[in-house]
């Protein structure tokens, strides 16, 4: 996935409370 798109998804998911999941999935 494009880093910029991934960053947008992380920010959006952070608002939804799913940020930790994405950090673990992309680490």
C-alpha atoms as a PDB file:
ATOM      1  CA  UNK A   1       0.000   0.000   0.000  1.00  0.00           C
ATOM      2  CA  UNK A   2       1.152   3.542  -0.718  1.00  0.00           C
ATOM      3  CA  UNK A   3       2.637   5.118   2.447  1.00  0.00           C
ATOM      4  CA  UNK A   4       0.522   8.241   2.015  1.00  0.00           C
ATOM      5  CA  UNK A   5      -2.665   6.206   1.678  1.00  0.00           C
ATOM      6  CA  UNK A   6      -1.633   4.058   4.620  1.00  0.00           C
ATOM      7  CA  UNK A   7      -1.031   7.149   6.730  1.00  0.00           C
ATOM      8  CA  UNK A   8      -4.500   8.446   5.861  1.00  0.00           C
ATOM      9  CA  UNK A   9      -5.998   5.102   6.835  1.00  0.00           C
ATOM     10  CA  UNK A  10      -4.089   5.081  10.124  1.00  0.00           C
ATOM     11  CA  UNK A  11      -5.297   8.604  10.932  1.00  0.00           C
ATOM     12  CA  UNK A  12      -8.870   7.660  10.055  1.00  0.00           C
ATOM     13  CA  UNK A  13      -8.655   4.436  12.039  1.00  0.00           C
ATOM     14  CA  UNK A  14      -7.109   6.340  14.953  1.00  0.00           C
ATOM     15  CA  UNK A  15     -10.307   8.406  15.096  1.00  0.00           C
ATOM     16  CA  UNK A  16     -12.240   5.122  15.163  1.00  0.00           C
ATOM     17  CA  UNK A  17     -10.036   3.684  17.893  1.00  0.00           C
ATOM     18  CA  UNK A  18      -8.370   1.087  15.649  1.00  0.00           C
ATOM     19  CA  UNK A  19      -4.934   2.705  15.516  1.00  0.00           C
ATOM     20  CA  UNK A  20      -3.140   0.016  17.597  1.00  0.00           C
ATOM     21  CA  UNK A  21      -4.423  -2.667  15.211  1.00  0.00           C
ATOM     22  CA  UNK A  22      -2.951  -0.923  12.179  1.00  0.00           C
ATOM     23  CA  UNK A  23       0.361  -0.310  13.943  1.00  0.00           C
ATOM     24  CA  UNK A  24       0.634  -4.018  14.710  1.00  0.00           C
ATOM     25  CA  UNK A  25      -0.474  -4.988  11.211  1.00  0.00           C
ATOM     26  CA  UNK A  26       2.067  -2.723   9.495  1.00  0.00           C
ATOM     27  CA  UNK A  27       4.981  -3.017  11.932  1.00  0.00           C
END
